[in-house]
Amino acid sequence: MERNKALYRNLVIGLVSLFFINLAIGFYSSFSKFKDFGSSSISFRIQDKSVLSYFTNRSIVDYISEAEEMIEVFEKYNFSVDTFLNDQSSNLIIFSSWPKDFLDINSINKRKKLFINTLLPIIFVENRKILEDRKQILDWWNQSDGESFSREFWPAWLFELSEKYNYSESSLGNLLIRVDIVPISLALSQAAIESGWGTSRYLNEGNAIFGQYTYDKKSGIKPKDRDKDKKFFVKKFSSLSASVRSYLKNINTHFAYEEFRQERRKLRMKGDGLSGKFLASYLKNYSERNKAYVKDIKHLIETNNFMKFDKVN
């Protein structure tokens, strides 16, 4: 009897010990995954394309870590170029960062599809934010019967908006020249060229899609082939959205693209749609390659039929 009790007691102790060992292993494993998750995870949110305000918090947020998982998310939420073009209430999936294993996808067509699917919603949303700013200015101007007011009489939101676009004059008409979108076809084509269709080191290390320069060492990535007498870095970003946002601001504010903005204004004044292929002609200052760069953009827009995206803005 005593022997049976001892065996029973030892069995219970053994089972309890095994339970806590497994619990500890599970906890350690989860903790390890959590640490890896924090260093390489990609957050994403799902948003309804029909929602007018893209500042809303009404969206699903989740996390992944690999390119294949990104592809699965697009399939799960039924996002594709076709649904984007044809479904007004399609899901928009906004990923925070570029997957570190993007180049592990062997199929070039698969990589290209992931590139387009990832950047298309981001460019669209950031353009819509600009259109919301533009609409707010136009509504206020119409309510004021088109009168011109000195900046000191502007409402606070308008003053802040003008500073956002590096604008210091009083003419709302001139402000609107800056507060406007870049056609999706053009932005997407430049993204493809500047990032090598998602393969560039700058995109993978710092969400840098468009190769913008900075002289701040802390906020940039040093090019490996930079001349010794050069001091510039390629600016890195906290997210893909921040990179697109910076690119749009650059086009809308830098003096090098004044001609681009004036030609865009002419299209607006005539009531024409904004054509990325047409406006590409006025971005020769974006690259040292000048006209050859413009030619490449136009060729890329045509061969990939990116013109179809300009009707969605």
C-alpha atoms as a PDB file:
ATOM      1  CA  MET A   1       0.000   0.000   0.000  1.00  0.00           C
ATOM      2  CA  GLU A   2       2.759   2.450   1.010  1.00  0.00           C
ATOM      3  CA  ARG A   3       4.624   1.541  -2.132  1.00  0.00           C
ATOM      4  CA  ASN A   4       1.566   2.334  -4.266  1.00  0.00           C
ATOM      5  CA  LYS A   5       1.157   5.676  -2.522  1.00  0.00           C
ATOM      6  CA  ALA A   6       4.808   6.533  -3.176  1.00  0.00           C
ATOM      7  CA  LEU A   7       4.455   5.589  -6.836  1.00  0.00           C
ATOM      8  CA  TYR A   8       1.286   7.676  -7.125  1.00  0.00           C
ATOM      9  CA  ARG A   9       2.953  10.641  -5.431  1.00  0.00           C
ATOM     10  CA  ASN A  10       5.987  10.407  -7.710  1.00  0.00           C
ATOM     11  CA  LEU A  11       3.734  10.161 -10.748  1.00  0.00           C
ATOM     12  CA  VAL A  12       1.838  13.311  -9.719  1.00  0.00           C
ATOM     13  CA  ILE A  13       5.080  15.169  -9.051  1.00  0.00           C
ATOM     14  CA  GLY A  14       6.423  14.043 -12.418  1.00  0.00           C
ATOM     15  CA  LEU A  15       3.315  15.201 -14.281  1.00  0.00           C
ATOM     16  CA  VAL A  16       3.280  18.559 -12.488  1.00  0.00           C
ATOM     17  CA  SER A  17       6.984  19.051 -13.226  1.00  0.00           C
ATOM     18  CA  LEU A  18       6.430  18.160 -16.863  1.00  0.00           C
ATOM     19  CA  PHE A  19       3.576  20.663 -17.045  1.00  0.00           C
ATOM     20  CA  PHE A  20       5.720  23.508 -15.709  1.00  0.00           C
ATOM     21  CA  ILE A  21       8.637  22.562 -17.945  1.00  0.00           C
ATOM     22  CA  ASN A  22       6.391  22.677 -21.009  1.00  0.00           C
ATOM     23  CA  LEU A  23       4.899  25.936 -19.799  1.00  0.00           C
ATOM     24  CA  ALA A  24       8.364  27.435 -19.389  1.00  0.00           C
ATOM     25  CA  ILE A  25       9.431  26.220 -22.836  1.00  0.00           C
ATOM     26  CA  GLY A  26       6.280  27.621 -24.375  1.00  0.00           C
ATOM     27  CA  PHE A  27       6.770  30.952 -22.647  1.00  0.00           C
ATOM     28  CA  TYR A  28      10.396  31.152 -23.780  1.00  0.00           C
ATOM     29  CA  SER A  29       9.433  30.237 -27.305  1.00  0.00           C
ATOM     30  CA  SER A  30       6.688  32.869 -27.374  1.00  0.00           C
ATOM     31  CA  PHE A  31       9.012  35.442 -25.896  1.00  0.00           C
ATOM     32  CA  SER A  32      11.671  34.655 -28.491  1.00  0.00           C
ATOM     33  CA  LYS A  33       9.110  34.962 -31.274  1.00  0.00           C
ATOM     34  CA  PHE A  34       7.913  38.217 -29.784  1.00  0.00           C
ATOM     35  CA  LYS A  35      11.430  39.612 -29.828  1.00  0.00           C
ATOM     36  CA  ASP A  36      11.907  38.551 -33.465  1.00  0.00           C
ATOM     37  CA  PHE A  37       8.451  39.871 -34.268  1.00  0.00           C
ATOM     38  CA  GLY A  38       9.269  43.271 -32.887  1.00  0.00           C
ATOM     39  CA  SER A  39      12.455  43.630 -34.906  1.00  0.00           C
ATOM     40  CA  SER A  40      11.179  42.485 -38.316  1.00  0.00           C
ATOM     41  CA  SER A  41       7.383  42.621 -38.257  1.00  0.00           C
ATOM     42  CA  ILE A  42       5.312  44.476 -40.818  1.00  0.00           C
ATOM     43  CA  SER A  43       2.086  46.020 -39.638  1.00  0.00           C
ATOM     44  CA  PHE A  44      -0.812  46.503 -41.994  1.00  0.00           C
ATOM     45  CA  ARG A  45      -4.296  47.914 -41.869  1.00  0.00           C
ATOM     46  CA  ILE A  46      -7.363  47.144 -43.940  1.00  0.00           C
ATOM     47  CA  GLN A  47      -9.467  50.076 -45.021  1.00  0.00           C
ATOM     48  CA  ASP A  48     -12.570  50.511 -47.133  1.00  0.00           C
ATOM     49  CA  LYS A  49     -11.767  52.379 -50.339  1.00  0.00           C
ATOM     50  CA  SER A  50     -15.120  54.165 -50.226  1.00  0.00           C
ATOM     51  CA  VAL A  51     -14.345  55.867 -46.881  1.00  0.00           C
ATOM     52  CA  LEU A  52     -13.956  59.551 -47.669  1.00  0.00           C
ATOM     53  CA  SER A  53     -11.677  60.447 -44.784  1.00  0.00           C
ATOM     54  CA  TYR A  54      -8.396  58.558 -44.693  1.00  0.00           C
ATOM     55  CA  PHE A  55      -7.581  59.869 -41.242  1.00  0.00           C
ATOM     56  CA  THR A  56     -10.142  57.532 -39.728  1.00  0.00           C
ATOM     57  CA  ASN A  57      -9.136  54.920 -37.175  1.00  0.00           C
ATOM     58  CA  ARG A  58     -11.874  52.565 -38.322  1.00  0.00           C
ATOM     59  CA  SER A  59      -9.613  49.906 -39.757  1.00  0.00           C
ATOM     60  CA  ILE A  60      -8.301  46.428 -38.993  1.00  0.00           C
ATOM     61  CA  VAL A  61      -4.682  46.305 -37.870  1.00  0.00           C
ATOM     62  CA  ASP A  62      -2.517  43.175 -37.902  1.00  0.00           C
ATOM     63  CA  TYR A  63       1.117  42.069 -38.238  1.00  0.00           C
ATOM     64  CA  ILE A  64       3.149  39.770 -40.488  1.00  0.00           C
ATOM     65  CA  SER A  65       6.846  39.275 -41.232  1.00  0.00           C
ATOM     66  CA  GLU A  66       7.336  37.799 -44.714  1.00  0.00           C
ATOM     67  CA  ALA A  67       6.634  38.550 -48.367  1.00  0.00           C
ATOM     68  CA  GLU A  68       4.612  35.359 -48.830  1.00  0.00           C
ATOM     69  CA  GLU A  69       2.404  36.419 -45.932  1.00  0.00           C
ATOM     70  CA  MET A  70       1.809  39.749 -47.659  1.00  0.00           C
ATOM     71  CA  ILE A  71       0.650  37.883 -50.754  1.00  0.00           C
ATOM     72  CA  GLU A  72      -1.689  35.782 -48.578  1.00  0.00           C
ATOM     73  CA  VAL A  73      -3.146  38.956 -47.024  1.00  0.00           C
ATOM     74  CA  PHE A  74      -3.940  40.380 -50.474  1.00  0.00           C
ATOM     75  CA  GLU A  75      -5.687  37.129 -51.376  1.00  0.00           C
ATOM     76  CA  LYS A  76      -7.536  36.908 -48.063  1.00  0.00           C
ATOM     77  CA  TYR A  77      -8.975  40.407 -48.366  1.00  0.00           C
ATOM     78  CA  ASN A  78      -9.537  40.130 -52.115  1.00  0.00           C
ATOM     79  CA  PHE A  79      -7.304  42.991 -53.205  1.00  0.00           C
ATOM     80  CA  SER A  80      -6.047  43.100 -56.772  1.00  0.00           C
ATOM     81  CA  VAL A  81      -5.607  45.633 -59.546  1.00  0.00           C
ATOM     82  CA  ASP A  82      -9.022  44.609 -60.910  1.00  0.00           C
ATOM     83  CA  THR A  83     -10.864  45.094 -57.618  1.00  0.00           C
ATOM     84  CA  PHE A  84      -9.056  48.408 -57.100  1.00  0.00           C
ATOM     85  CA  LEU A  85     -10.178  49.661 -60.504  1.00  0.00           C
ATOM     86  CA  ASN A  86     -13.715  48.288 -60.535  1.00  0.00           C
ATOM     87  CA  ASP A  87     -14.949  48.099 -56.944  1.00  0.00           C
ATOM     88  CA  GLN A  88     -15.621  51.401 -55.189  1.00  0.00           C
ATOM     89  CA  SER A  89     -15.771  49.692 -51.784  1.00  0.00           C
ATOM     90  CA  SER A  90     -12.812  47.374 -52.259  1.00  0.00           C
ATOM     91  CA  ASN A  91     -10.426  46.779 -49.379  1.00  0.00           C
ATOM     92  CA  LEU A  92      -7.275  48.871 -49.304  1.00  0.00           C
ATOM     93  CA  ILE A  93      -4.342  47.177 -47.593  1.00  0.00           C
ATOM     94  CA  ILE A  94      -1.716  49.553 -46.259  1.00  0.00           C
ATOM     95  CA  PHE A  95       1.535  47.836 -45.302  1.00  0.00           C
ATOM     96  CA  SER A  96       3.981  49.673 -43.078  1.00  0.00           C
ATOM     97  CA  SER A  97       7.285  48.347 -44.410  1.00  0.00           C
ATOM     98  CA  TRP A  98       8.980  46.416 -47.170  1.00  0.00           C
ATOM     99  CA  PRO A  99       9.549  42.685 -46.541  1.00  0.00           C
ATOM    100  CA  LYS A 100      13.178  41.764 -45.879  1.00  0.00           C
ATOM    101  CA  ASP A 101      12.805  38.556 -47.901  1.00  0.00           C
ATOM    102  CA  PHE A 102      11.336  40.201 -51.013  1.00  0.00           C
ATOM    103  CA  LEU A 103      14.173  38.921 -53.197  1.00  0.00           C
ATOM    104  CA  ASP A 104      13.502  35.374 -52.012  1.00  0.00           C
ATOM    105  CA  ILE A 105      10.495  35.361 -54.324  1.00  0.00           C
ATOM    106  CA  ASN A 106      11.934  33.645 -57.384  1.00  0.00           C
ATOM    107  CA  SER A 107       9.255  34.629 -59.876  1.00  0.00           C
ATOM    108  CA  ILE A 108       9.866  38.105 -61.318  1.00  0.00           C
ATOM    109  CA  ASN A 109       6.182  38.409 -62.251  1.00  0.00           C
ATOM    110  CA  LYS A 110       5.180  37.521 -58.706  1.00  0.00           C
ATOM    111  CA  ARG A 111       7.548  40.141 -57.288  1.00  0.00           C
ATOM    112  CA  LYS A 112       6.244  42.726 -59.735  1.00  0.00           C
ATOM    113  CA  LYS A 113       2.653  41.973 -58.779  1.00  0.00           C
ATOM    114  CA  LEU A 114       3.473  42.294 -55.075  1.00  0.00           C
ATOM    115  CA  PHE A 115       5.265  45.584 -55.749  1.00  0.00           C
ATOM    116  CA  ILE A 116       2.241  47.074 -57.529  1.00  0.00           C
ATOM    117  CA  ASN A 117      -0.297  45.722 -55.033  1.00  0.00           C
ATOM    118  CA  THR A 118       1.698  47.124 -52.119  1.00  0.00           C
ATOM    119  CA  LEU A 119       2.316  50.639 -53.427  1.00  0.00           C
ATOM    120  CA  LEU A 120      -0.936  51.209 -55.315  1.00  0.00           C
ATOM    121  CA  PRO A 121      -3.157  51.624 -52.203  1.00  0.00           C
ATOM    122  CA  ILE A 122      -0.552  53.760 -50.429  1.00  0.00           C
ATOM    123  CA  ILE A 123      -0.191  56.205 -53.331  1.00  0.00           C
ATOM    124  CA  PHE A 124      -3.970  56.327 -53.696  1.00  0.00           C
ATOM    125  CA  VAL A 125      -4.553  57.091 -49.999  1.00  0.00           C
ATOM    126  CA  GLU A 126      -1.838  59.752 -49.795  1.00  0.00           C
ATOM    127  CA  ASN A 127      -3.259  61.414 -52.920  1.00  0.00           C
ATOM    128  CA  ARG A 128      -6.725  61.355 -51.368  1.00  0.00           C
ATOM    129  CA  LYS A 129      -5.395  63.154 -48.307  1.00  0.00           C
ATOM    130  CA  ILE A 130      -4.099  65.886 -50.597  1.00  0.00           C
ATOM    131  CA  LEU A 131      -7.462  66.086 -52.348  1.00  0.00           C
ATOM    132  CA  GLU A 132      -9.123  66.509 -48.947  1.00  0.00           C
ATOM    133  CA  ASP A 133      -6.777  69.426 -48.216  1.00  0.00           C
ATOM    134  CA  ARG A 134      -7.555  70.868 -51.622  1.00  0.00           C
ATOM    135  CA  LYS A 135     -11.304  70.531 -51.123  1.00  0.00           C
ATOM    136  CA  GLN A 136     -11.109  72.229 -47.718  1.00  0.00           C
ATOM    137  CA  ILE A 137      -9.329  75.218 -49.272  1.00  0.00           C
ATOM    138  CA  LEU A 138     -11.813  75.453 -52.151  1.00  0.00           C
ATOM    139  CA  ASP A 139     -14.821  75.200 -49.826  1.00  0.00           C
ATOM    140  CA  TRP A 140     -13.534  77.997 -47.593  1.00  0.00           C
ATOM    141  CA  TRP A 141     -12.674  80.137 -50.612  1.00  0.00           C
ATOM    142  CA  ASN A 142     -16.165  79.637 -52.086  1.00  0.00           C
ATOM    143  CA  GLN A 143     -17.788  80.522 -48.772  1.00  0.00           C
ATOM    144  CA  SER A 144     -15.740  83.733 -48.848  1.00  0.00           C
ATOM    145  CA  ASP A 145     -17.128  84.529 -52.320  1.00  0.00           C
ATOM    146  CA  GLY A 146     -13.689  84.232 -53.853  1.00  0.00           C
ATOM    147  CA  GLU A 147     -12.294  87.203 -51.980  1.00  0.00           C
ATOM    148  CA  SER A 148      -8.598  87.454 -51.221  1.00  0.00           C
ATOM    149  CA  PHE A 149      -7.635  87.738 -47.576  1.00  0.00           C
ATOM    150  CA  SER A 150      -4.309  88.577 -46.040  1.00  0.00           C
ATOM    151  CA  ARG A 151      -2.722  85.644 -44.227  1.00  0.00           C
ATOM    152  CA  GLU A 152      -3.362  87.335 -40.899  1.00  0.00           C
ATOM    153  CA  PHE A 153      -7.099  86.817 -41.461  1.00  0.00           C
ATOM    154  CA  TRP A 154      -6.795  83.173 -42.411  1.00  0.00           C
ATOM    155  CA  PRO A 155      -8.251  80.528 -40.108  1.00  0.00           C
ATOM    156  CA  ALA A 156      -5.655  78.559 -38.141  1.00  0.00           C
ATOM    157  CA  TRP A 157      -6.124  75.350 -40.180  1.00  0.00           C
ATOM    158  CA  LEU A 158      -5.432  77.213 -43.457  1.00  0.00           C
ATOM    159  CA  PHE A 159      -2.332  78.863 -42.053  1.00  0.00           C
ATOM    160  CA  GLU A 160      -1.037  75.481 -40.868  1.00  0.00           C
ATOM    161  CA  LEU A 161      -1.833  73.927 -44.241  1.00  0.00           C
ATOM    162  CA  SER A 162       0.109  76.617 -46.081  1.00  0.00           C
ATOM    163  CA  GLU A 163       3.127  75.975 -43.851  1.00  0.00           C
ATOM    164  CA  LYS A 164       2.812  72.266 -44.586  1.00  0.00           C
ATOM    165  CA  TYR A 165       3.286  73.116 -48.267  1.00  0.00           C
ATOM    166  CA  ASN A 166       6.102  75.626 -47.613  1.00  0.00           C
ATOM    167  CA  TYR A 167       3.905  78.460 -48.847  1.00  0.00           C
ATOM    168  CA  SER A 168       4.216  82.001 -47.500  1.00  0.00           C
ATOM    169  CA  GLU A 169       2.084  84.096 -49.876  1.00  0.00           C
ATOM    170  CA  SER A 170      -1.564  85.141 -49.544  1.00  0.00           C
ATOM    171  CA  SER A 171      -2.964  83.962 -52.881  1.00  0.00           C
ATOM    172  CA  LEU A 172      -5.149  80.890 -52.432  1.00  0.00           C
ATOM    173  CA  GLY A 173      -4.967  80.295 -56.162  1.00  0.00           C
ATOM    174  CA  ASN A 174      -1.194  79.911 -55.974  1.00  0.00           C
ATOM    175  CA  LEU A 175      -1.525  77.717 -52.898  1.00  0.00           C
ATOM    176  CA  LEU A 176      -3.828  75.386 -54.821  1.00  0.00           C
ATOM    177  CA  ILE A 177      -1.132  74.979 -57.459  1.00  0.00           C
ATOM    178  CA  ARG A 178       0.868  73.177 -54.778  1.00  0.00           C
ATOM    179  CA  VAL A 179      -1.972  71.337 -53.073  1.00  0.00           C
ATOM    180  CA  ASP A 180      -2.687  68.769 -55.751  1.00  0.00           C
ATOM    181  CA  ILE A 181      -1.976  65.134 -56.538  1.00  0.00           C
ATOM    182  CA  VAL A 182       0.635  63.334 -58.592  1.00  0.00           C
ATOM    183  CA  PRO A 183      -1.117  60.888 -60.951  1.00  0.00           C
ATOM    184  CA  ILE A 184      -0.838  57.292 -59.767  1.00  0.00           C
ATOM    185  CA  SER A 185       0.673  56.150 -63.067  1.00  0.00           C
ATOM    186  CA  LEU A 186       3.516  58.633 -62.680  1.00  0.00           C
ATOM    187  CA  ALA A 187       4.183  57.988 -58.983  1.00  0.00           C
ATOM    188  CA  LEU A 188       4.099  54.214 -59.484  1.00  0.00           C
ATOM    189  CA  SER A 189       6.448  54.373 -62.466  1.00  0.00           C
ATOM    190  CA  GLN A 190       8.949  56.536 -60.611  1.00  0.00           C
ATOM    191  CA  ALA A 191       8.743  54.167 -57.649  1.00  0.00           C
ATOM    192  CA  ALA A 192       9.568  51.246 -59.947  1.00  0.00           C
ATOM    193  CA  ILE A 193      12.532  53.034 -61.515  1.00  0.00           C
ATOM    194  CA  GLU A 194      13.965  54.462 -58.305  1.00  0.00           C
ATOM    195  CA  SER A 195      13.645  51.215 -56.342  1.00  0.00           C
ATOM    196  CA  GLY A 196      14.414  48.736 -59.119  1.00  0.00           C
ATOM    197  CA  TRP A 197      10.921  47.280 -58.763  1.00  0.00           C
ATOM    198  CA  GLY A 198      11.408  46.806 -55.031  1.00  0.00           C
ATOM    199  CA  THR A 199      14.922  45.372 -55.118  1.00  0.00           C
ATOM    200  CA  SER A 200      16.954  48.386 -53.981  1.00  0.00           C
ATOM    201  CA  ARG A 201      18.961  48.337 -50.779  1.00  0.00           C
ATOM    202  CA  TYR A 202      17.468  51.680 -49.729  1.00  0.00           C
ATOM    203  CA  LEU A 203      13.918  50.374 -49.903  1.00  0.00           C
ATOM    204  CA  ASN A 204      14.786  47.208 -48.009  1.00  0.00           C
ATOM    205  CA  GLU A 205      16.807  48.984 -45.315  1.00  0.00           C
ATOM    206  CA  GLY A 206      14.880  52.212 -44.927  1.00  0.00           C
ATOM    207  CA  ASN A 207      11.520  52.155 -46.766  1.00  0.00           C
ATOM    208  CA  ALA A 208      13.125  54.609 -49.207  1.00  0.00           C
ATOM    209  CA  ILE A 209      11.094  54.227 -52.381  1.00  0.00           C
ATOM    210  CA  PHE A 210      12.058  57.298 -54.394  1.00  0.00           C
ATOM    211  CA  GLY A 211      15.749  57.810 -53.640  1.00  0.00           C
ATOM    212  CA  GLN A 212      15.370  61.215 -52.001  1.00  0.00           C
ATOM    213  CA  TYR A 213      18.548  62.787 -50.655  1.00  0.00           C
ATOM    214  CA  THR A 214      19.359  64.159 -47.217  1.00  0.00           C
ATOM    215  CA  TYR A 215      22.500  65.548 -45.600  1.00  0.00           C
ATOM    216  CA  ASP A 216      21.518  64.337 -42.168  1.00  0.00           C
ATOM    217  CA  LYS A 217      23.608  61.262 -41.410  1.00  0.00           C
ATOM    218  CA  LYS A 218      21.192  60.082 -38.719  1.00  0.00           C
ATOM    219  CA  SER A 219      18.203  59.995 -41.070  1.00  0.00           C
ATOM    220  CA  GLY A 220      19.918  58.586 -44.132  1.00  0.00           C
ATOM    221  CA  ILE A 221      21.688  55.605 -45.674  1.00  0.00           C
ATOM    222  CA  LYS A 222      25.160  56.091 -47.137  1.00  0.00           C
ATOM    223  CA  PRO A 223      25.399  54.987 -50.785  1.00  0.00           C
ATOM    224  CA  LYS A 224      28.134  52.417 -51.294  1.00  0.00           C
ATOM    225  CA  ASP A 225      29.324  54.024 -54.543  1.00  0.00           C
ATOM    226  CA  ARG A 226      29.175  57.627 -53.312  1.00  0.00           C
ATOM    227  CA  ASP A 227      32.113  59.791 -54.423  1.00  0.00           C
ATOM    228  CA  LYS A 228      34.529  60.705 -51.644  1.00  0.00           C
ATOM    229  CA  ASP A 229      33.808  64.423 -52.007  1.00  0.00           C
ATOM    230  CA  LYS A 230      30.035  63.904 -51.723  1.00  0.00           C
ATOM    231  CA  LYS A 231      28.194  64.246 -48.419  1.00  0.00           C
ATOM    232  CA  PHE A 232      24.630  63.202 -49.252  1.00  0.00           C
ATOM    233  CA  PHE A 233      22.708  60.206 -47.923  1.00  0.00           C
ATOM    234  CA  VAL A 234      19.544  58.519 -49.163  1.00  0.00           C
ATOM    235  CA  LYS A 235      16.773  59.470 -46.775  1.00  0.00           C
ATOM    236  CA  LYS A 236      15.162  56.619 -44.832  1.00  0.00           C
ATOM    237  CA  PHE A 237      11.587  56.554 -43.552  1.00  0.00           C
ATOM    238  CA  SER A 238       9.630  55.018 -40.718  1.00  0.00           C
ATOM    239  CA  SER A 239       7.057  53.622 -43.144  1.00  0.00           C
ATOM    240  CA  LEU A 240       6.214  53.245 -46.816  1.00  0.00           C
ATOM    241  CA  SER A 241       3.431  55.792 -46.396  1.00  0.00           C
ATOM    242  CA  ALA A 242       5.905  58.338 -45.002  1.00  0.00           C
ATOM    243  CA  SER A 243       8.133  57.780 -48.034  1.00  0.00           C
ATOM    244  CA  VAL A 244       5.267  58.358 -50.480  1.00  0.00           C
ATOM    245  CA  ARG A 245       4.128  61.393 -48.488  1.00  0.00           C
ATOM    246  CA  SER A 246       7.618  62.908 -48.653  1.00  0.00           C
ATOM    247  CA  TYR A 247       7.839  62.267 -52.386  1.00  0.00           C
ATOM    248  CA  LEU A 248       4.513  64.003 -53.015  1.00  0.00           C
ATOM    249  CA  LYS A 249       5.556  66.987 -50.916  1.00  0.00           C
ATOM    250  CA  ASN A 250       8.839  67.173 -52.803  1.00  0.00           C
ATOM    251  CA  ILE A 251       7.033  67.315 -56.164  1.00  0.00           C
ATOM    252  CA  ASN A 252       4.556  69.867 -54.788  1.00  0.00           C
ATOM    253  CA  THR A 253       7.022  72.243 -53.149  1.00  0.00           C
ATOM    254  CA  HIS A 254      10.536  72.023 -54.616  1.00  0.00           C
ATOM    255  CA  PHE A 255      11.470  74.804 -57.060  1.00  0.00           C
ATOM    256  CA  ALA A 256      12.837  72.191 -59.500  1.00  0.00           C
ATOM    257  CA  TYR A 257       9.281  71.047 -60.259  1.00  0.00           C
ATOM    258  CA  GLU A 258       7.622  74.445 -60.720  1.00  0.00           C
ATOM    259  CA  GLU A 259       7.052  73.763 -64.421  1.00  0.00           C
ATOM    260  CA  PHE A 260       5.391  70.450 -63.533  1.00  0.00           C
ATOM    261  CA  ARG A 261       2.999  72.231 -61.162  1.00  0.00           C
ATOM    262  CA  GLN A 262       2.158  74.923 -63.716  1.00  0.00           C
ATOM    263  CA  GLU A 263       1.346  72.333 -66.380  1.00  0.00           C
ATOM    264  CA  ARG A 264      -0.789  70.444 -63.870  1.00  0.00           C
ATOM    265  CA  ARG A 265      -2.626  73.688 -63.123  1.00  0.00           C
ATOM    266  CA  LYS A 266      -3.331  74.197 -66.850  1.00  0.00           C
ATOM    267  CA  LEU A 267      -4.920  70.751 -67.029  1.00  0.00           C
ATOM    268  CA  ARG A 268      -7.094  71.638 -64.016  1.00  0.00           C
ATOM    269  CA  MET A 269      -8.130  74.967 -65.542  1.00  0.00           C
ATOM    270  CA  LYS A 270      -9.178  73.220 -68.774  1.00  0.00           C
ATOM    271  CA  GLY A 271     -11.123  70.600 -66.833  1.00  0.00           C
ATOM    272  CA  ASP A 272      -8.928  67.798 -68.146  1.00  0.00           C
ATOM    273  CA  GLY A 273      -7.896  64.748 -66.165  1.00  0.00           C
ATOM    274  CA  LEU A 274      -4.343  64.595 -64.870  1.00  0.00           C
ATOM    275  CA  SER A 275      -2.266  62.394 -67.160  1.00  0.00           C
ATOM    276  CA  GLY A 276       0.868  60.882 -65.678  1.00  0.00           C
ATOM    277  CA  LYS A 277       2.341  60.267 -69.110  1.00  0.00           C
ATOM    278  CA  PHE A 278       1.839  63.898 -70.111  1.00  0.00           C
ATOM    279  CA  LEU A 279       3.127  65.364 -66.844  1.00  0.00           C
ATOM    280  CA  ALA A 280       6.187  63.093 -66.885  1.00  0.00           C
ATOM    281  CA  SER A 281       7.657  65.446 -69.495  1.00  0.00           C
ATOM    282  CA  TYR A 282       8.096  68.061 -66.785  1.00  0.00           C
ATOM    283  CA  LEU A 283      10.065  65.906 -64.344  1.00  0.00           C
ATOM    284  CA  LYS A 284      13.381  65.910 -66.185  1.00  0.00           C
ATOM    285  CA  ASN A 285      14.974  67.634 -63.179  1.00  0.00           C
ATOM    286  CA  TYR A 286      14.241  64.605 -60.982  1.00  0.00           C
ATOM    287  CA  SER A 287      17.259  62.790 -62.391  1.00  0.00           C
ATOM    288  CA  GLU A 288      20.653  63.696 -63.802  1.00  0.00           C
ATOM    289  CA  ARG A 289      19.606  61.626 -66.812  1.00  0.00           C
ATOM    290  CA  ASN A 290      17.061  64.341 -67.691  1.00  0.00           C
ATOM    291  CA  LYS A 291      15.253  63.523 -70.957  1.00  0.00           C
ATOM    292  CA  ALA A 292      16.386  59.891 -70.902  1.00  0.00           C
ATOM    293  CA  TYR A 293      14.790  59.548 -67.453  1.00  0.00           C
ATOM    294  CA  VAL A 294      11.529  61.029 -68.721  1.00  0.00           C
ATOM    295  CA  LYS A 295      11.616  58.653 -71.681  1.00  0.00           C
ATOM    296  CA  ASP A 296      11.997  55.695 -69.310  1.00  0.00           C
ATOM    297  CA  ILE A 297       9.038  56.835 -67.207  1.00  0.00           C
ATOM    298  CA  LYS A 298       6.783  57.168 -70.233  1.00  0.00           C
ATOM    299  CA  HIS A 299       7.887  53.800 -71.582  1.00  0.00           C
ATOM    300  CA  LEU A 300       7.165  52.160 -68.237  1.00  0.00           C
ATOM    301  CA  ILE A 301       3.714  53.762 -68.030  1.00  0.00           C
ATOM    302  CA  GLU A 302       2.860  52.532 -71.526  1.00  0.00           C
ATOM    303  CA  THR A 303       4.254  49.003 -71.321  1.00  0.00           C
ATOM    304  CA  ASN A 304       2.542  48.352 -67.969  1.00  0.00           C
ATOM    305  CA  ASN A 305      -0.705  50.115 -68.928  1.00  0.00           C
ATOM    306  CA  PHE A 306      -0.472  52.284 -65.812  1.00  0.00           C
ATOM    307  CA  MET A 307      -2.618  54.956 -67.524  1.00  0.00           C
ATOM    308  CA  LYS A 308      -5.696  53.087 -66.255  1.00  0.00           C
ATOM    309  CA  PHE A 309      -4.883  54.120 -62.687  1.00  0.00           C
ATOM    310  CA  ASP A 310      -5.174  57.856 -63.441  1.00  0.00           C
ATOM    311  CA  LYS A 311      -8.950  57.566 -63.763  1.00  0.00           C
ATOM    312  CA  VAL A 312      -9.271  56.403 -60.150  1.00  0.00           C
ATOM    313  CA  ASN A 313      -7.847  59.504 -58.420  1.00  0.00           C
END
